[in-house]
N, C-alpha and C. Protein backbone atom coordinates (compact mmCIF):
# COMPACT_ATOMS: atom_id res chain seq x y z
N MET A 1 0.91 -1.09 0.07
CA MET A 1 0.21 -0.32 0.25
C MET A 1 0.59 1.43 0.09
N ASP A 2 2.04 1.13 0.54
CA ASP A 2 3.05 2.67 0.40
C ASP A 2 3.04 3.26 -0.93
N GLN A 3 3.00 2.32 -1.93
CA GLN A 3 2.94 2.89 -3.48
C GLN A 3 1.79 3.63 -3.55
N ASN A 4 0.76 3.30 -3.36
CA ASN A 4 -0.60 3.51 -3.01
C ASN A 4 -0.60 5.17 -2.18
N TYR A 5 -0.01 5.31 -1.00
CA TYR A 5 -0.07 6.48 -0.37
C TYR A 5 0.90 7.60 -1.27
N ASP A 6 2.04 6.94 -1.63
CA ASP A 6 2.92 7.93 -2.32
C ASP A 6 1.99 8.40 -3.90
N ASP A 7 1.42 7.82 -4.54
CA ASP A 7 0.28 8.28 -5.50
C ASP A 7 -0.80 9.01 -5.19
N ILE A 8 -1.35 8.81 -4.24
CA ILE A 8 -2.54 9.77 -3.36
C ILE A 8 -1.74 10.82 -3.31
N SER A 9 -0.49 10.77 -2.69
CA SER A 9 -0.45 12.42 -2.28
C SER A 9 0.44 13.02 -3.19
N ARG A 10 0.65 12.67 -4.76
CA ARG A 10 1.17 13.07 -5.97
C ARG A 10 0.24 13.80 -6.53
N ALA A 11 -1.03 12.93 -6.39
CA ALA A 11 -2.41 13.47 -6.78
C ALA A 11 -2.98 14.45 -5.90
N LEU A 12 -2.97 14.83 -5.08
CA LEU A 12 -3.64 15.41 -3.86
C LEU A 12 -2.47 16.57 -4.06
N TRP A 13 -1.39 16.63 -4.02
CA TRP A 13 -0.54 17.99 -4.63
C TRP A 13 -0.61 18.20 -5.97
N THR A 14 -1.33 17.46 -6.61
CA THR A 14 -1.50 18.11 -8.09
C THR A 14 -2.94 19.26 -7.84
N TYR A 15 -3.52 18.52 -7.09
CA TYR A 15 -4.79 19.49 -6.59
C TYR A 15 -4.46 20.44 -5.90
N LEU A 16 -3.73 20.28 -5.08
CA LEU A 16 -3.41 21.61 -4.09
C LEU A 16 -2.29 22.80 -5.24
N ASP A 17 -1.46 22.08 -6.37
CA ASP A 17 -0.58 22.90 -7.03
C ASP A 17 -2.09 23.70 -8.14
N GLY A 18 -2.95 23.27 -8.52
CA GLY A 18 -3.68 23.26 -9.60
C GLY A 18 -4.91 24.54 -9.28
N LEU A 19 -5.30 24.24 -7.77
CA LEU A 19 -5.77 25.19 -7.11
C LEU A 19 -5.12 26.37 -7.07
N HIS A 20 -3.47 26.24 -6.38
CA HIS A 20 -3.15 27.84 -6.54
C HIS A 20 -2.84 28.46 -7.78
N GLU A 21 -2.71 27.42 -8.72
CA GLU A 21 -2.14 28.31 -9.68
C GLU A 21 -3.48 29.05 -10.52
N GLY A 22 -4.64 28.59 -10.18
CA GLY A 22 -5.85 28.52 -10.93
C GLY A 22 -5.39 27.59 -12.54
N ASP A 23 -5.10 26.46 -12.25
CA ASP A 23 -5.13 25.57 -13.39
C ASP A 23 -5.92 24.79 -13.69
N THR A 24 -7.17 24.57 -14.10
CA THR A 24 -8.25 23.90 -14.75
C THR A 24 -7.75 22.22 -15.20
N GLU A 25 -6.87 22.81 -16.10
CA GLU A 25 -6.14 21.52 -16.44
C GLU A 25 -5.38 20.52 -15.79
N LYS A 26 -4.57 20.89 -14.95
CA LYS A 26 -4.21 20.40 -13.81
C LYS A 26 -5.00 19.70 -13.16
N LEU A 27 -6.21 20.54 -12.87
CA LEU A 27 -7.31 19.70 -11.71
C LEU A 27 -8.05 18.77 -12.22
N ALA A 28 -8.38 19.20 -13.92
CA ALA A 28 -9.07 18.10 -14.37
C ALA A 28 -8.19 16.42 -14.85
N SER A 29 -6.85 16.32 -14.29
CA SER A 29 -6.30 15.39 -14.27
C SER A 29 -6.21 14.80 -13.32
N VAL A 30 -6.97 15.40 -11.95
CA VAL A 30 -7.18 14.21 -10.99
C VAL A 30 -8.24 14.55 -10.36
N PHE A 31 -9.36 15.51 -10.68
CA PHE A 31 -10.68 15.29 -10.54
C PHE A 31 -11.35 14.58 -11.18
N HIS A 32 -12.50 13.70 -10.84
CA HIS A 32 -13.25 12.98 -12.49
C HIS A 32 -14.39 13.77 -12.71
N PRO A 33 -14.33 13.68 -14.25
CA PRO A 33 -15.20 14.43 -14.97
C PRO A 33 -16.70 14.44 -14.16
N VAL A 34 -17.32 13.62 -13.79
CA VAL A 34 -19.12 13.68 -13.16
C VAL A 34 -18.45 13.96 -11.09
N CYS A 35 -17.60 14.47 -10.85
CA CYS A 35 -17.06 14.46 -9.63
C CYS A 35 -17.83 15.95 -9.33
N HIS A 36 -18.53 15.84 -7.89
CA HIS A 36 -19.40 16.34 -7.47
C HIS A 36 -18.42 17.33 -6.24
N LEU A 37 -18.91 18.76 -5.98
CA LEU A 37 -18.45 19.33 -4.75
C LEU A 37 -19.64 19.63 -3.49
N PHE A 38 -19.92 19.18 -2.64
CA PHE A 38 -20.70 19.58 -1.88
C PHE A 38 -20.34 20.73 -0.29
N SER A 39 -21.04 21.62 0.43
CA SER A 39 -20.63 22.19 1.35
C SER A 39 -21.66 22.82 1.72
N ASN A 40 -21.72 23.38 3.21
CA ASN A 40 -22.47 23.82 3.67
C ASN A 40 -22.39 25.07 4.53
N THR A 41 -21.65 25.37 4.14
CA THR A 41 -20.93 26.89 4.79
C THR A 41 -21.52 28.22 4.17
N GLY A 42 -21.79 28.38 5.48
CA GLY A 42 -22.87 29.76 5.30
C GLY A 42 -24.72 28.92 5.57
N ASP A 43 -24.56 27.98 6.17
CA ASP A 43 -26.32 28.06 6.31
C ASP A 43 -26.67 27.62 4.54
N ALA A 44 -26.10 27.51 3.30
CA ALA A 44 -26.46 27.07 2.30
C ALA A 44 -25.52 26.42 1.34
N PHE A 45 -26.78 24.80 1.26
CA PHE A 45 -26.02 23.89 0.75
C PHE A 45 -25.79 24.04 -0.65
N LEU A 46 -24.26 23.61 -0.97
CA LEU A 46 -24.09 23.48 -2.23
C LEU A 46 -23.69 22.56 -3.07
N ASP A 47 -24.38 22.41 -3.97
CA ASP A 47 -23.57 21.05 -5.21
C ASP A 47 -23.58 21.51 -6.65
N TRP A 48 -22.21 21.47 -6.44
CA TRP A 48 -21.98 22.15 -7.94
C TRP A 48 -21.00 20.48 -8.57
N PRO A 49 -20.95 20.61 -9.84
CA PRO A 49 -20.52 19.33 -10.43
C PRO A 49 -19.48 20.13 -11.14
N ARG A 50 -18.23 19.07 -11.41
CA ARG A 50 -16.80 19.64 -11.61
C ARG A 50 -16.99 20.91 -12.50
N ASP A 51 -17.60 20.68 -13.66
CA ASP A 51 -17.07 21.76 -14.77
C ASP A 51 -17.37 23.29 -14.01
N GLU A 52 -18.30 23.82 -13.34
CA GLU A 52 -19.32 25.17 -12.79
C GLU A 52 -18.22 25.21 -11.94
N TRP A 53 -17.34 24.62 -11.07
CA TRP A 53 -16.31 24.75 -10.05
C TRP A 53 -15.12 25.31 -11.09
N PHE A 54 -15.16 24.72 -12.06
CA PHE A 54 -13.85 25.16 -12.83
C PHE A 54 -14.29 26.46 -13.74
N ALA A 55 -15.37 26.70 -13.89
CA ALA A 55 -15.50 28.13 -14.36
C ALA A 55 -15.36 28.54 -13.44
N VAL A 56 -15.75 28.47 -12.32
CA VAL A 56 -15.22 29.64 -11.13
C VAL A 56 -13.84 30.08 -10.55
N VAL A 57 -13.30 28.42 -11.44
CA VAL A 57 -11.75 28.39 -10.83
C VAL A 57 -11.02 29.69 -12.40
N ASP A 58 -11.86 29.20 -13.34
CA ASP A 58 -11.30 30.37 -14.52
C ASP A 58 -11.20 31.22 -13.95
N GLY A 59 -12.68 31.79 -13.61
CA GLY A 59 -13.06 33.07 -13.76
C GLY A 59 -12.45 34.16 -12.30
N ARG A 60 -11.67 33.46 -11.95
CA ARG A 60 -10.79 34.04 -10.89
C ARG A 60 -9.08 34.91 -11.05
N GLU A 61 -9.13 35.72 -10.68
CA GLU A 61 -7.21 35.64 -10.12
C GLU A 61 -6.80 34.43 -9.55
N SER A 62 -5.83 33.87 -9.91
CA SER A 62 -5.12 32.81 -9.13
C SER A 62 -4.43 33.26 -7.65
N PRO A 63 -4.62 32.45 -6.80
CA PRO A 63 -3.39 32.78 -5.94
C PRO A 63 -2.24 33.28 -5.83
N LYS A 64 -1.63 32.33 -6.93
CA LYS A 64 -0.09 32.17 -7.66
C LYS A 64 -0.21 34.26 -8.00
N ALA A 65 -1.22 34.02 -8.70
CA ALA A 65 -0.82 35.11 -9.93
C ALA A 65 -1.12 37.13 -8.61
N LYS A 66 -1.72 36.61 -7.85
CA LYS A 66 -1.92 37.40 -6.54
C LYS A 66 -0.72 38.05 -5.71
N GLY A 67 0.33 36.15 -6.17
CA GLY A 67 1.33 36.61 -5.26
C GLY A 67 1.17 36.03 -3.77
N LEU A 68 -0.63 35.77 -3.15
CA LEU A 68 -0.30 35.19 -2.32
C LEU A 68 0.06 34.02 -1.11
N GLU A 69 0.65 33.81 -0.08
CA GLU A 69 0.71 32.74 0.44
C GLU A 69 0.03 31.39 0.28
N ARG A 70 0.85 30.66 0.05
CA ARG A 70 0.29 28.70 0.21
C ARG A 70 -0.22 28.36 2.07
N HIS A 71 -1.15 27.70 1.94
CA HIS A 71 -1.53 27.57 3.43
C HIS A 71 -1.92 25.72 2.99
N ASP A 72 -1.37 25.31 2.05
CA ASP A 72 -1.62 23.59 1.79
C ASP A 72 -1.17 22.94 3.09
N ARG A 73 -1.63 21.99 2.80
CA ARG A 73 -0.57 20.93 3.37
C ARG A 73 -2.03 19.72 3.48
N ILE A 74 -0.94 18.33 3.33
CA ILE A 74 -2.36 17.04 3.59
C ILE A 74 -2.37 16.81 5.16
N ILE A 75 -3.40 16.74 5.65
CA ILE A 75 -3.67 16.64 7.06
C ILE A 75 -4.11 14.72 6.97
N SER A 76 -4.15 14.19 6.57
CA SER A 76 -4.54 12.79 6.51
C SER A 76 -4.70 12.05 5.26
N ILE A 77 -4.43 10.77 5.04
CA ILE A 77 -5.07 9.93 4.21
C ILE A 77 -5.25 8.42 4.30
N ASP A 78 -6.41 8.15 4.00
CA ASP A 78 -7.40 6.93 4.82
C ASP A 78 -7.61 5.77 3.95
N MET A 79 -7.15 4.79 3.40
CA MET A 79 -7.41 3.87 2.86
C MET A 79 -8.07 2.87 3.26
N SER A 80 -9.10 2.34 2.72
CA SER A 80 -9.58 1.09 3.11
C SER A 80 -9.05 -0.07 2.00
N ASP A 81 -8.92 0.18 1.70
CA ASP A 81 -8.16 -0.95 0.37
C ASP A 81 -7.30 -0.41 -0.53
N GLU A 82 -7.26 -1.50 -1.74
CA GLU A 82 -6.08 -0.63 -2.45
C GLU A 82 -6.46 -0.25 -3.89
N THR A 83 -8.51 0.65 -3.55
CA THR A 83 -8.94 1.38 -5.10
C THR A 83 -9.64 2.46 -4.09
N THR A 84 -9.59 2.44 -2.28
CA THR A 84 -10.69 3.58 -1.94
C THR A 84 -9.85 4.26 -0.74
N ALA A 85 -9.64 5.62 -0.90
CA ALA A 85 -9.23 6.52 0.22
C ALA A 85 -10.17 7.82 0.13
N LEU A 86 -9.32 8.07 1.53
CA LEU A 86 -10.52 9.42 1.71
C LEU A 86 -9.43 10.20 2.52
N ALA A 87 -9.42 11.87 1.76
CA ALA A 87 -8.08 12.72 2.15
C ALA A 87 -9.10 13.83 2.43
N LYS A 88 -7.83 14.67 4.12
CA LYS A 88 -8.27 15.52 4.16
C LYS A 88 -7.16 17.02 3.95
N VAL A 89 -7.33 17.77 3.80
CA VAL A 89 -6.44 18.75 3.04
C VAL A 89 -6.99 19.91 3.70
N ASN A 90 -5.75 20.41 4.07
CA ASN A 90 -5.93 22.66 4.50
C ASN A 90 -5.58 23.05 2.99
N CYS A 91 -6.25 24.24 2.72
CA CYS A 91 -5.79 24.83 1.42
C CYS A 91 -6.08 26.14 1.66
N ALA A 92 -5.93 27.42 1.06
CA ALA A 92 -6.70 28.32 0.90
C ALA A 92 -6.52 29.05 -0.54
N VAL A 93 -7.90 30.31 -0.67
CA VAL A 93 -7.61 31.13 -1.90
C VAL A 93 -7.98 32.47 -1.36
N PRO A 94 -7.72 33.25 0.30
CA PRO A 94 -7.35 34.47 0.53
C PRO A 94 -8.09 35.25 0.61
N PRO A 95 -9.59 35.82 1.28
CA PRO A 95 -9.28 35.47 2.53
C PRO A 95 -10.17 34.12 3.12
N ARG A 96 -10.44 33.21 2.05
CA ARG A 96 -11.39 31.74 2.36
C ARG A 96 -9.92 30.53 2.35
N PHE A 97 -9.91 30.33 3.72
CA PHE A 97 -9.36 29.48 4.60
C PHE A 97 -10.19 27.57 4.15
N PHE A 98 -9.73 27.00 3.98
CA PHE A 98 -10.84 25.70 3.46
C PHE A 98 -10.11 24.33 4.26
N THR A 99 -11.23 23.51 4.33
CA THR A 99 -10.23 22.37 4.83
C THR A 99 -11.74 21.20 3.88
N ASP A 100 -10.84 20.30 3.08
CA ASP A 100 -11.36 19.65 2.25
C ASP A 100 -11.42 18.16 2.69
N TYR A 101 -12.55 17.64 2.03
CA TYR A 101 -12.67 15.99 2.58
C TYR A 101 -12.52 15.45 1.16
N LEU A 102 -11.57 14.73 0.87
CA LEU A 102 -11.51 14.47 -0.31
C LEU A 102 -11.95 13.01 -1.07
N THR A 103 -13.19 12.16 -1.67
CA THR A 103 -12.91 10.76 -1.38
C THR A 103 -12.22 10.71 -3.02
N LEU A 104 -11.22 9.48 -3.12
CA LEU A 104 -10.31 9.20 -4.28
C LEU A 104 -10.86 7.55 -4.45
N LEU A 105 -11.20 7.04 -5.51
CA LEU A 105 -10.84 5.98 -6.18
C LEU A 105 -9.62 5.55 -7.11
N LYS A 106 -9.01 4.46 -7.17
CA LYS A 106 -8.17 4.38 -8.27
C LYS A 106 -8.83 3.81 -9.40
N LEU A 107 -8.62 4.54 -10.64
CA LEU A 107 -9.70 3.81 -12.01
C LEU A 107 -8.52 3.96 -12.84
N ASP A 108 -8.85 3.11 -13.64
CA ASP A 108 -7.88 3.32 -14.95
C ASP A 108 -6.40 3.00 -14.66
N GLY A 109 -5.89 2.90 -13.64
CA GLY A 109 -4.79 2.89 -12.73
C GLY A 109 -4.12 4.16 -11.96
N GLY A 110 -4.88 5.29 -12.13
CA GLY A 110 -4.79 6.22 -11.38
C GLY A 110 -5.43 6.81 -10.81
N TRP A 111 -5.03 7.72 -9.35
CA TRP A 111 -6.05 8.17 -8.31
C TRP A 111 -6.36 9.38 -8.59
N ARG A 112 -7.99 9.42 -8.81
CA ARG A 112 -9.23 10.33 -8.76
C ARG A 112 -10.13 10.97 -7.50
N ILE A 113 -10.33 12.25 -7.76
CA ILE A 113 -11.02 12.11 -7.02
C ILE A 113 -12.60 12.57 -7.35
N VAL A 114 -13.29 11.37 -6.44
CA VAL A 114 -15.00 11.50 -7.53
C VAL A 114 -15.75 12.28 -6.72
N ALA A 115 -15.12 12.97 -5.09
CA ALA A 115 -16.19 13.85 -4.55
C ALA A 115 -15.13 14.99 -3.83
N LYS A 116 -16.26 16.14 -3.41
CA LYS A 116 -15.46 16.83 -2.60
C LYS A 116 -15.97 17.74 -1.74
N THR A 117 -16.13 17.41 -0.30
CA THR A 117 -16.90 18.00 0.47
C THR A 117 -16.10 18.65 1.08
N PHE A 118 -16.36 20.68 1.68
CA PHE A 118 -15.55 21.72 1.97
C PHE A 118 -16.13 22.40 2.81
N ARG A 119 -15.61 23.09 3.04
CA ARG A 119 -16.00 24.28 4.58
C ARG A 119 -14.93 25.01 4.25
N PHE A 120 -14.88 26.28 4.73
CA PHE A 120 -14.31 27.13 4.67
C PHE A 120 -14.99 28.27 5.43
N GLU A 121 -13.45 29.26 5.92
CA GLU A 121 -13.82 30.25 6.83
C GLU A 121 -12.78 31.55 6.03
N ILE A 122 -13.79 32.85 6.39
CA ILE A 122 -13.03 33.88 6.09
C ILE A 122 -12.03 34.64 7.34
N ARG A 123 -10.63 34.49 6.77
CA ARG A 123 -9.99 35.71 7.98
C ARG A 123 -9.34 36.34 7.26
N GLU A 124 -9.71 37.80 8.20
CA GLU A 124 -9.02 39.02 7.15
C GLU A 124 -7.61 39.29 7.52
């Protein structure tokens, strides 16, 4: 399973790099095409398909372009078997600071995020 942890970690860093850089091609390499994003932050349930989220990412200036500091870290990776995992990460698009729960499946030899549930807080 050690190789799987390494592969999952690489997928997670690809996600974090893509988010920081505003690179939806990079994000598409690790987010399954039918992935959905869910949140209940601010008492409003959100259910976005991946491509709707990509439109948001494409429509804003990236944290990297703004010269903002990164706040990324992998908190945990929990594997239930050789094909199923759950990861918890922290990241930021300041002033929003996120905790993400990412469900991953090993599909066609690679790890893909199939669901993202997140929360955020605003920090001044």
